[in-house]
Amino acid sequence: MLSKKYRFHSRGGVKYTYQKGKTVRKPQMSLVFNENTRGFTRVAVVVSKKVTKTAVGRNRIRRRVYEALRENFELLPKQKDYIFVVFKKEVATMSYSELVKLLGELVAESKV
């Protein structure tokens, strides 16, 4: 799991990022990102009940994405807020390498 320092702690930060941030979309997932002044990167993963009804399924997807981000955290640009929003249930069953590739593509497009 990603360290608590690098995660959002309140809904205020998430709400601000949704309102002021820019969005990059892929069929399975989207990325909402915005600059911050904290000096470090913050990350959130959002999985809707539309993706899977059970909390177990949503938490499994969330944990997989957080773990992939933790192992590749140095690739994220510093001083930004990222919210990864999962749209499809297939994120739970895709291979780890495909998940890392998808996250990398979203982050690469956010740098543009």
Foldseek 3Di string as FASTA:
>chain_A
DDDPVQEDDDVVVVVVQVVPWDKDDDPFKIKTKDFADPFFHHEEEAEDCVQPVDPVLVVLLRVLLNVLCRVVVVVADTRMYMYMYGDHSCSNVDDSVVSNVVVVVNRVVVVD
